[in-house]
Protein backbone atom coordinates (compact mmCIF):
# COMPACT_ATOMS: atom_id res chain seq x y z
CA UNK A 1 108.40 181.26 104.25
CA UNK A 2 105.99 180.07 106.69
CA UNK A 3 104.64 182.76 109.20
CA UNK A 4 104.19 181.68 112.64
CA UNK A 5 104.72 182.59 116.23
CA UNK A 6 108.16 183.13 117.94
CA UNK A 7 107.88 180.06 119.75
CA UNK A 8 107.15 177.97 116.96
CA UNK A 9 109.94 179.36 114.76
CA UNK A 10 112.46 178.35 117.22
CA UNK A 11 111.69 174.80 117.42
CA UNK A 12 114.06 174.49 114.69
CA UNK A 13 116.78 175.08 117.08
CA UNK A 14 118.00 171.61 118.26
CA UNK A 15 120.37 170.33 120.85
CA UNK A 16 124.06 170.83 119.55
CA UNK A 17 123.17 173.63 117.14
CA UNK A 18 125.32 176.65 116.39
CA UNK A 19 122.75 179.75 116.30
CA UNK A 20 123.90 183.25 114.92
CA UNK A 21 122.04 186.23 116.02
CA UNK A 22 121.74 189.30 114.08
CA UNK A 23 123.94 191.95 115.30
CA UNK A 24 123.82 195.61 116.87
CA UNK A 25 120.38 197.35 116.63
CA UNK A 26 119.05 194.74 114.26
CA UNK A 27 118.89 192.02 116.77
CA UNK A 28 115.64 190.19 116.75
CA UNK A 29 114.43 190.48 120.31
CA UNK A 30 111.24 188.57 120.02
CA UNK A 31 113.17 185.55 118.70
CA UNK A 32 115.96 185.97 121.35
CA UNK A 33 113.42 185.94 124.04
CA UNK A 34 111.46 182.86 122.27
CA UNK A 35 115.13 181.05 122.22
CA UNK A 36 115.46 181.52 125.92
CA UNK A 37 112.17 179.92 126.52
CA UNK A 38 113.09 177.01 124.53
CA UNK A 39 116.78 176.53 125.88
CA UNK A 40 115.80 174.56 128.75
CA UNK A 41 114.48 171.94 126.80
CA UNK A 42 117.85 171.62 124.77
CA UNK A 43 121.72 171.10 125.67
CA UNK A 44 125.01 172.25 124.04
CA UNK A 45 123.54 175.00 121.95
CA UNK A 46 126.20 177.81 120.93
CA UNK A 47 125.17 181.06 120.47
CA UNK A 48 127.29 183.15 118.16
CA UNK A 49 127.04 187.00 117.67
CA UNK A 50 128.83 190.31 117.55
CA UNK A 51 127.79 192.93 119.96
CA UNK A 52 123.82 193.19 120.03
CA UNK A 53 121.91 195.91 121.25
CA UNK A 54 119.27 193.49 123.02
CA UNK A 55 118.99 191.52 126.40
CA UNK A 56 121.11 188.33 126.44
CA UNK A 57 118.98 185.88 128.42
CA UNK A 58 121.10 182.88 127.04
CA UNK A 59 124.08 183.82 129.19
CA UNK A 60 122.24 183.67 132.53
CA UNK A 61 123.77 181.25 135.12
CA UNK A 62 120.92 178.87 134.73
CA UNK A 63 121.55 178.45 131.20
CA UNK A 64 124.73 176.60 131.76
CA UNK A 65 124.58 173.26 130.18
CA UNK A 66 121.77 174.49 127.90
CA UNK A 67 123.64 177.20 125.94
CA UNK A 68 126.90 178.77 125.61
CA UNK A 69 127.62 182.23 124.07
CA UNK A 70 130.65 182.82 121.78
CA UNK A 71 131.16 186.42 121.26
CA UNK A 72 132.81 187.53 118.10
CA UNK A 73 132.86 191.00 119.72
CA UNK A 74 131.95 191.51 123.33
CA UNK A 75 129.08 194.09 124.33
CA UNK A 76 127.86 195.04 127.68
CA UNK A 77 125.22 192.57 127.71
CA UNK A 78 127.54 189.45 127.84
CA UNK A 79 130.78 190.73 129.40
CA UNK A 80 129.91 189.69 133.01
CA UNK A 81 129.01 186.07 131.73
CA UNK A 82 132.51 186.12 129.80
CA UNK A 83 134.49 187.36 132.91
CA UNK A 84 132.71 184.51 134.94
CA UNK A 85 133.66 181.83 132.39
CA UNK A 86 129.96 181.26 131.39
CA UNK A 87 130.60 182.51 127.91
CA UNK A 88 133.51 182.81 125.55
CA UNK A 89 135.23 185.59 123.38
CA UNK A 90 136.70 184.81 120.16
CA UNK A 91 138.85 187.47 118.77
CA UNK A 92 138.74 187.94 115.28
CA UNK A 93 138.82 190.69 112.64
CA UNK A 94 135.45 191.54 111.33
CA UNK A 95 136.52 190.86 107.80
CA UNK A 96 137.36 187.35 108.55
CA UNK A 97 133.84 186.37 110.00
CA UNK A 98 132.20 185.64 106.79
CA UNK A 99 135.15 183.43 105.76
CA UNK A 100 134.73 181.35 109.02
CA UNK A 101 131.05 180.57 108.25
CA UNK A 102 131.64 179.72 104.51
CA UNK A 103 134.59 177.55 104.80
CA UNK A 104 132.77 175.42 107.69
CA UNK A 105 135.38 176.62 110.54
CA UNK A 106 132.31 177.96 112.19
CA UNK A 107 129.36 176.62 110.55
CA UNK A 108 125.98 177.97 111.28
CA UNK A 109 123.04 175.80 111.75
CA UNK A 110 120.49 178.47 112.46
CA UNK A 111 120.45 182.31 111.81
CA UNK A 112 118.00 184.44 113.70
CA UNK A 113 117.71 187.93 111.66
CA UNK A 114 115.48 190.87 111.63
CA UNK A 115 114.53 192.30 108.21
CA UNK A 116 112.25 194.39 106.42
CA UNK A 117 108.87 193.36 105.09
CA UNK A 118 109.28 191.53 101.63
CA UNK A 119 108.86 193.92 98.62
CA UNK A 120 106.53 192.67 95.66
CA UNK A 121 109.37 190.62 94.36
CA UNK A 122 109.64 188.78 97.45
CA UNK A 123 112.78 190.30 98.92
CA UNK A 124 113.22 191.98 102.40
CA UNK A 125 116.33 193.28 103.69
CA UNK A 126 118.90 193.02 106.57
CA UNK A 127 118.39 196.81 107.45
CA UNK A 128 121.02 198.69 109.04
CA UNK A 129 123.36 195.96 110.07
CA UNK A 130 124.84 193.33 107.40
CA UNK A 131 128.29 192.99 109.06
CA UNK A 132 127.99 189.26 109.56
CA UNK A 133 124.52 188.82 109.26
CA UNK A 134 124.64 188.69 105.39
CA UNK A 135 127.26 185.89 105.54
CA UNK A 136 125.31 184.02 108.23
CA UNK A 137 122.17 184.00 106.10
CA UNK A 138 123.96 182.81 103.04
CA UNK A 139 125.60 179.75 104.81
CA UNK A 140 123.29 178.96 107.76
CA UNK A 141 121.34 175.65 107.26
CA UNK A 142 118.02 177.53 108.42
CA UNK A 143 117.16 180.88 108.71
CA UNK A 144 114.36 182.36 110.80
CA UNK A 145 113.28 185.79 110.45
CA UNK A 146 111.46 188.68 112.45
CA UNK A 147 109.96 190.76 109.92
CA UNK A 148 109.55 194.18 111.15
CA UNK A 149 107.96 197.47 109.16
CA UNK A 150 110.23 199.81 110.88
CA UNK A 151 113.32 198.00 109.25
CA UNK A 152 114.47 200.10 106.33
CA UNK A 153 114.71 198.72 102.85
CA UNK A 154 118.42 198.97 102.29
CA UNK A 155 120.47 198.60 99.33
CA UNK A 156 123.52 196.69 98.31
CA UNK A 157 123.96 193.21 99.39
CA UNK A 158 121.53 193.22 102.26
CA UNK A 159 118.43 191.47 100.31
CA UNK A 160 116.96 188.20 101.34
CA UNK A 161 114.41 186.38 99.13
CA UNK A 162 111.49 184.68 101.25
CA UNK A 163 112.40 181.36 99.81
CA UNK A 164 115.68 181.35 101.99
CA UNK A 165 113.40 181.77 105.27
CA UNK A 166 112.13 178.78 106.84
CA UNK A 167 109.88 180.39 109.35
CA UNK A 168 109.16 184.22 110.19
CA UNK A 169 107.20 185.93 112.70
CA UNK A 170 105.74 189.10 112.25
CA UNK A 171 106.27 192.31 114.74
CA UNK A 172 104.65 195.61 114.61
CA UNK A 173 106.80 198.23 115.81
CA UNK A 174 110.34 198.64 117.68
CA UNK A 175 112.05 195.19 118.38
CA UNK A 176 112.16 195.67 122.07
CA UNK A 177 112.28 193.15 125.16
CA UNK A 178 108.93 192.11 126.50
CA UNK A 179 110.53 191.37 129.90
CA UNK A 180 112.48 193.62 132.25
CA UNK A 181 115.55 192.31 131.21
CA UNK A 182 116.57 195.43 129.22
CA UNK A 183 120.25 195.67 130.57
CA UNK A 184 122.56 197.45 128.14
CA UNK A 185 119.62 199.50 126.59
CA UNK A 186 119.55 203.31 126.99
CA UNK A 187 116.62 204.91 128.41
CA UNK A 188 115.05 207.87 126.29
CA UNK A 189 113.62 209.46 129.36
CA UNK A 190 115.59 212.19 131.09
CA UNK A 191 116.02 212.17 134.67
CA UNK A 192 115.06 215.31 136.72
CA UNK A 193 117.93 217.64 137.31
């Protein structure tokens, strides 16, 4: 595993690739933002994920031709793009997704994941969501990780050895957007009554 910058890490994504993004609250926001900066240089990148609790800059109108999102579960951050025909929705049972990755029906070229810091044996974990990420990591050609000390070490089938990760970035704290595109996120602040 090579530690690098987010912009350098996403250079592994090439035109025509299918990219899986870690689902739910485990979405690697720094890598998503770097991917959005890279996409104008590319064409026909397919981005696949379940609902993510993160901005989705890859569904912006200016990304047409560069990237197309294929939602396996539609969340608020991609619904408008789906409704406007700039993104797709593929209805599928959650239990069927790993088989789609394994049998080549939906092969993954690059998986962008967030994980805990590796332990002394070189294993980090996928934290609080392994719904489809575990399978994506297993079958992706390339895995890029966002290592975050706030991701808990979890048990079960969530371990990833550093040898499986081509490139990683280190973040220090909550994985939050650095831009103002935080649609879909809830604020923790209260409005005056």
